[in-house]
Amino acid sequence: MSSKVIEITTELVHPILEEKNLELVDVEYVKEGKNWFLRVYIDKDGGIDIVECGEVSERLSEKLDEADPIKEAYFLEVSSPGVEKPLKTLEDLQKNIGKNVFVKLYEKIDGEKTYEGILQNVENDSLLIEYKVKTRKQIVEIPYEKVAKARLAVMF
């Protein structure tokens, strides 16, 4: 059920976002406590503002009412993915070369299951990440199929 709601929502929101030159980052349909939430994360170069989120929310709400894919009551939330934006595709990763990323793996590479560092390159379906071990910089090559999750990471 959840995957069907996500699929339909994705289809409905794409034309709205294309018209406004916005990017769909993610869609999730989750139950928290007794409430259901349909969350749509959108973005663009330079970031998104609350007015854009509101406009997309209003138009998407109308489309969802027409299609009626969700039978139970739910809350629709349209927002920015925030500073730790998920990177869901190889294309997302390629757009963020040179930025600090956090990557969680399905299986260990060099004894580690997570890496945080500067994304140096994305080529041949692999990521090159420069990370620090104490004061020394190292490079790890991660095959994309081993990536469970990736997101931008804030440096402190």
C-alpha atoms as a PDB file:
ATOM      1  CA  MET A   1       0.000   0.000   0.000  1.00  0.00           C
ATOM      2  CA  SER A   2       2.720   2.449   1.004  1.00  0.00           C
ATOM      3  CA  SER A   3       4.716   1.925  -2.197  1.00  0.00           C
ATOM      4  CA  LYS A   4       1.592   2.436  -4.336  1.00  0.00           C
ATOM      5  CA  VAL A   5       0.824   5.743  -2.556  1.00  0.00           C
ATOM      6  CA  ILE A   6       4.427   6.861  -3.119  1.00  0.00           C
ATOM      7  CA  GLU A   7       4.255   5.872  -6.796  1.00  0.00           C
ATOM      8  CA  ILE A   8       0.970   7.720  -7.419  1.00  0.00           C
ATOM      9  CA  THR A   9       2.121  10.802  -5.489  1.00  0.00           C
ATOM     10  CA  THR A  10       5.361  10.870  -7.490  1.00  0.00           C
ATOM     11  CA  GLU A  11       3.393  10.741 -10.762  1.00  0.00           C
ATOM     12  CA  LEU A  12       1.051  13.509  -9.621  1.00  0.00           C
ATOM     13  CA  VAL A  13       3.738  15.881  -8.313  1.00  0.00           C
ATOM     14  CA  HIS A  14       6.186  15.644 -11.252  1.00  0.00           C
ATOM     15  CA  PRO A  15       4.250  17.928 -13.657  1.00  0.00           C
ATOM     16  CA  ILE A  16       3.797  20.514 -10.892  1.00  0.00           C
ATOM     17  CA  LEU A  17       7.526  20.507 -10.123  1.00  0.00           C
ATOM     18  CA  GLU A  18       8.577  20.583 -13.788  1.00  0.00           C
ATOM     19  CA  GLU A  19       6.421  23.675 -14.350  1.00  0.00           C
ATOM     20  CA  LYS A  20       8.142  25.421 -11.430  1.00  0.00           C
ATOM     21  CA  ASN A  21      11.682  24.121 -12.238  1.00  0.00           C
ATOM     22  CA  LEU A  22      11.824  22.260  -8.932  1.00  0.00           C
ATOM     23  CA  GLU A  23      13.337  18.872  -8.126  1.00  0.00           C
ATOM     24  CA  LEU A  24      11.675  15.978  -6.331  1.00  0.00           C
ATOM     25  CA  VAL A  25      14.056  14.718  -3.660  1.00  0.00           C
ATOM     26  CA  ASP A  26      11.912  12.115  -1.909  1.00  0.00           C
ATOM     27  CA  VAL A  27       8.384  10.962  -1.108  1.00  0.00           C
ATOM     28  CA  GLU A  28       7.509   8.996   2.015  1.00  0.00           C
ATOM     29  CA  TYR A  29       4.238   7.696   3.385  1.00  0.00           C
ATOM     30  CA  VAL A  30       4.626   6.711   7.030  1.00  0.00           C
ATOM     31  CA  LYS A  31       2.566   6.065  10.118  1.00  0.00           C
ATOM     32  CA  GLU A  32       3.705   7.858  13.257  1.00  0.00           C
ATOM     33  CA  GLY A  33       1.656   6.970  16.289  1.00  0.00           C
ATOM     34  CA  LYS A  34      -1.922   6.836  15.085  1.00  0.00           C
ATOM     35  CA  ASN A  35      -1.428   9.374  12.268  1.00  0.00           C
ATOM     36  CA  TRP A  36      -0.389   8.871   8.644  1.00  0.00           C
ATOM     37  CA  PHE A  37       1.930  11.394   6.951  1.00  0.00           C
ATOM     38  CA  LEU A  38       2.545  11.869   3.240  1.00  0.00           C
ATOM     39  CA  ARG A  39       5.808  13.811   3.008  1.00  0.00           C
ATOM     40  CA  VAL A  40       7.097  15.282  -0.226  1.00  0.00           C
ATOM     41  CA  TYR A  41      10.597  16.770  -0.192  1.00  0.00           C
ATOM     42  CA  ILE A  42      11.428  19.260  -2.943  1.00  0.00           C
ATOM     43  CA  ASP A  43      14.433  21.411  -3.755  1.00  0.00           C
ATOM     44  CA  LYS A  44      16.211  23.540  -6.354  1.00  0.00           C
ATOM     45  CA  ASP A  45      19.657  25.052  -6.753  1.00  0.00           C
ATOM     46  CA  GLY A  46      20.014  27.703  -4.087  1.00  0.00           C
ATOM     47  CA  GLY A  47      17.312  26.136  -1.901  1.00  0.00           C
ATOM     48  CA  ILE A  48      13.567  26.340  -1.659  1.00  0.00           C
ATOM     49  CA  ASP A  49      11.365  28.718   0.326  1.00  0.00           C
ATOM     50  CA  ILE A  50       8.110  28.335   2.228  1.00  0.00           C
ATOM     51  CA  VAL A  51       6.062  30.047  -0.489  1.00  0.00           C
ATOM     52  CA  GLU A  52       7.167  27.471  -3.079  1.00  0.00           C
ATOM     53  CA  CYS A  53       6.404  24.641  -0.650  1.00  0.00           C
ATOM     54  CA  GLY A  54       2.939  26.091  -0.038  1.00  0.00           C
ATOM     55  CA  GLU A  55       2.179  26.434  -3.760  1.00  0.00           C
ATOM     56  CA  VAL A  56       3.225  22.837  -4.465  1.00  0.00           C
ATOM     57  CA  SER A  57       1.270  21.611  -1.437  1.00  0.00           C
ATOM     58  CA  GLU A  58      -1.950  23.308  -2.599  1.00  0.00           C
ATOM     59  CA  ARG A  59      -1.714  22.003  -6.159  1.00  0.00           C
ATOM     60  CA  LEU A  60      -0.681  18.503  -5.087  1.00  0.00           C
ATOM     61  CA  SER A  61      -3.507  18.386  -2.537  1.00  0.00           C
ATOM     62  CA  GLU A  62      -6.017  19.099  -5.332  1.00  0.00           C
ATOM     63  CA  LYS A  63      -4.521  16.341  -7.511  1.00  0.00           C
ATOM     64  CA  LEU A  64      -4.552  13.868  -4.611  1.00  0.00           C
ATOM     65  CA  ASP A  65      -8.203  14.700  -3.886  1.00  0.00           C
ATOM     66  CA  GLU A  66      -9.075  13.974  -7.537  1.00  0.00           C
ATOM     67  CA  ALA A  67      -7.101  10.704  -7.725  1.00  0.00           C
ATOM     68  CA  ASP A  68      -8.058   9.661  -4.165  1.00  0.00           C
ATOM     69  CA  PRO A  69      -5.271   7.059  -3.731  1.00  0.00           C
ATOM     70  CA  ILE A  70      -5.352   7.216   0.078  1.00  0.00           C
ATOM     71  CA  LYS A  71      -8.459   5.988   1.878  1.00  0.00           C
ATOM     72  CA  GLU A  72      -7.483   6.820   5.473  1.00  0.00           C
ATOM     73  CA  ALA A  73      -6.976  10.320   6.895  1.00  0.00           C
ATOM     74  CA  TYR A  74      -3.429  11.683   6.469  1.00  0.00           C
ATOM     75  CA  PHE A  75      -1.368  14.845   6.749  1.00  0.00           C
ATOM     76  CA  LEU A  76       0.321  16.186   3.599  1.00  0.00           C
ATOM     77  CA  GLU A  77       3.663  17.889   4.228  1.00  0.00           C
ATOM     78  CA  VAL A  78       5.694  19.514   1.451  1.00  0.00           C
ATOM     79  CA  SER A  79       9.096  20.773   2.533  1.00  0.00           C
ATOM     80  CA  SER A  80      12.781  21.190   1.866  1.00  0.00           C
ATOM     81  CA  PRO A  81      14.965  18.159   2.550  1.00  0.00           C
ATOM     82  CA  GLY A  82      17.119  20.343   4.802  1.00  0.00           C
ATOM     83  CA  VAL A  83      20.888  20.717   4.915  1.00  0.00           C
ATOM     84  CA  GLU A  84      21.453  16.966   5.163  1.00  0.00           C
ATOM     85  CA  LYS A  85      19.651  16.261   1.908  1.00  0.00           C
ATOM     86  CA  PRO A  86      19.448  12.584   0.937  1.00  0.00           C
ATOM     87  CA  LEU A  87      21.354  11.636  -2.210  1.00  0.00           C
ATOM     88  CA  LYS A  88      19.252   8.876  -3.731  1.00  0.00           C
ATOM     89  CA  THR A  89      20.772   8.355  -7.177  1.00  0.00           C
ATOM     90  CA  LEU A  90      24.142   8.352  -8.915  1.00  0.00           C
ATOM     91  CA  GLU A  91      23.029  11.587 -10.599  1.00  0.00           C
ATOM     92  CA  ASP A  92      22.397  13.168  -7.164  1.00  0.00           C
ATOM     93  CA  LEU A  93      25.886  12.141  -6.105  1.00  0.00           C
ATOM     94  CA  GLN A  94      27.467  13.503  -9.303  1.00  0.00           C
ATOM     95  CA  LYS A  95      25.795  16.877  -8.692  1.00  0.00           C
ATOM     96  CA  ASN A  96      27.436  17.019  -5.254  1.00  0.00           C
ATOM     97  CA  ILE A  97      31.068  16.292  -6.072  1.00  0.00           C
ATOM     98  CA  GLY A  98      33.265  18.427  -3.820  1.00  0.00           C
ATOM     99  CA  LYS A  99      30.765  18.448  -0.958  1.00  0.00           C
ATOM    100  CA  ASN A 100      30.853  16.697   2.398  1.00  0.00           C
ATOM    101  CA  VAL A 101      28.811  13.487   2.370  1.00  0.00           C
ATOM    102  CA  PHE A 102      27.857  10.709   4.771  1.00  0.00           C
ATOM    103  CA  VAL A 103      27.537   7.225   3.275  1.00  0.00           C
ATOM    104  CA  LYS A 104      26.171   4.116   4.992  1.00  0.00           C
ATOM    105  CA  LEU A 105      27.008   0.760   3.389  1.00  0.00           C
ATOM    106  CA  TYR A 106      25.283  -2.604   3.125  1.00  0.00           C
ATOM    107  CA  GLU A 107      28.584  -4.299   3.934  1.00  0.00           C
ATOM    108  CA  LYS A 108      31.958  -3.197   5.289  1.00  0.00           C
ATOM    109  CA  ILE A 109      34.782  -1.831   3.169  1.00  0.00           C
ATOM    110  CA  ASP A 110      38.182  -1.722   4.889  1.00  0.00           C
ATOM    111  CA  GLY A 111      36.459  -2.674   8.138  1.00  0.00           C
ATOM    112  CA  GLU A 112      34.029   0.278   8.075  1.00  0.00           C
ATOM    113  CA  LYS A 113      30.312   0.426   7.330  1.00  0.00           C
ATOM    114  CA  THR A 114      30.031   4.253   7.295  1.00  0.00           C
ATOM    115  CA  TYR A 115      32.166   6.975   5.746  1.00  0.00           C
ATOM    116  CA  GLU A 116      32.012  10.744   6.001  1.00  0.00           C
ATOM    117  CA  GLY A 117      34.210  12.967   3.890  1.00  0.00           C
ATOM    118  CA  ILE A 118      34.532  14.956   0.703  1.00  0.00           C
ATOM    119  CA  LEU A 119      33.031  13.323  -2.374  1.00  0.00           C
ATOM    120  CA  GLN A 120      35.929  13.487  -4.831  1.00  0.00           C
ATOM    121  CA  ASN A 121      34.410  11.787  -7.847  1.00  0.00           C
ATOM    122  CA  VAL A 122      31.700   9.490  -9.163  1.00  0.00           C
ATOM    123  CA  GLU A 123      32.818   7.292 -12.038  1.00  0.00           C
ATOM    124  CA  ASN A 124      32.300   3.732 -13.272  1.00  0.00           C
ATOM    125  CA  ASP A 125      29.449   3.300 -10.749  1.00  0.00           C
ATOM    126  CA  SER A 126      31.816   3.982  -7.834  1.00  0.00           C
ATOM    127  CA  LEU A 127      32.255   6.853  -5.390  1.00  0.00           C
ATOM    128  CA  LEU A 128      35.632   8.209  -4.330  1.00  0.00           C
ATOM    129  CA  ILE A 129      35.493   9.768  -0.868  1.00  0.00           C
ATOM    130  CA  GLU A 130      38.368  11.531   0.857  1.00  0.00           C
ATOM    131  CA  TYR A 131      38.113  11.118   4.617  1.00  0.00           C
ATOM    132  CA  LYS A 132      40.394  11.648   7.605  1.00  0.00           C
ATOM    133  CA  VAL A 133      41.862   9.121   9.981  1.00  0.00           C
ATOM    134  CA  LYS A 134      43.179  11.314  12.793  1.00  0.00           C
ATOM    135  CA  THR A 135      45.196  13.864  10.781  1.00  0.00           C
ATOM    136  CA  ARG A 136      45.872  11.768   7.665  1.00  0.00           C
ATOM    137  CA  LYS A 137      43.702  11.990   4.566  1.00  0.00           C
ATOM    138  CA  GLN A 138      42.693   8.741   2.868  1.00  0.00           C
ATOM    139  CA  ILE A 139      40.606   7.844  -0.162  1.00  0.00           C
ATOM    140  CA  VAL A 140      38.078   5.027  -0.254  1.00  0.00           C
ATOM    141  CA  GLU A 141      36.438   3.704  -3.407  1.00  0.00           C
ATOM    142  CA  ILE A 142      32.875   2.549  -2.807  1.00  0.00           C
ATOM    143  CA  PRO A 143      30.935   0.607  -5.440  1.00  0.00           C
ATOM    144  CA  TYR A 144      27.491   2.219  -5.769  1.00  0.00           C
ATOM    145  CA  GLU A 145      25.703  -1.120  -5.259  1.00  0.00           C
ATOM    146  CA  LYS A 146      27.132  -1.233  -1.713  1.00  0.00           C
ATOM    147  CA  VAL A 147      25.591   2.140  -0.778  1.00  0.00           C
ATOM    148  CA  ALA A 148      22.586   1.709   1.531  1.00  0.00           C
ATOM    149  CA  LYS A 149      22.079   5.454   2.139  1.00  0.00           C
ATOM    150  CA  ALA A 150      23.880   8.642   1.218  1.00  0.00           C
ATOM    151  CA  ARG A 151      23.251  12.234   2.247  1.00  0.00           C
ATOM    152  CA  LEU A 152      24.950  15.584   2.468  1.00  0.00           C
ATOM    153  CA  ALA A 153      26.673  16.080   5.803  1.00  0.00           C
ATOM    154  CA  VAL A 154      27.222  19.267   7.780  1.00  0.00           C
ATOM    155  CA  MET A 155      30.852  19.891   8.744  1.00  0.00           C
ATOM    156  CA  PHE A 156      31.617  21.236  12.188  1.00  0.00           C
END
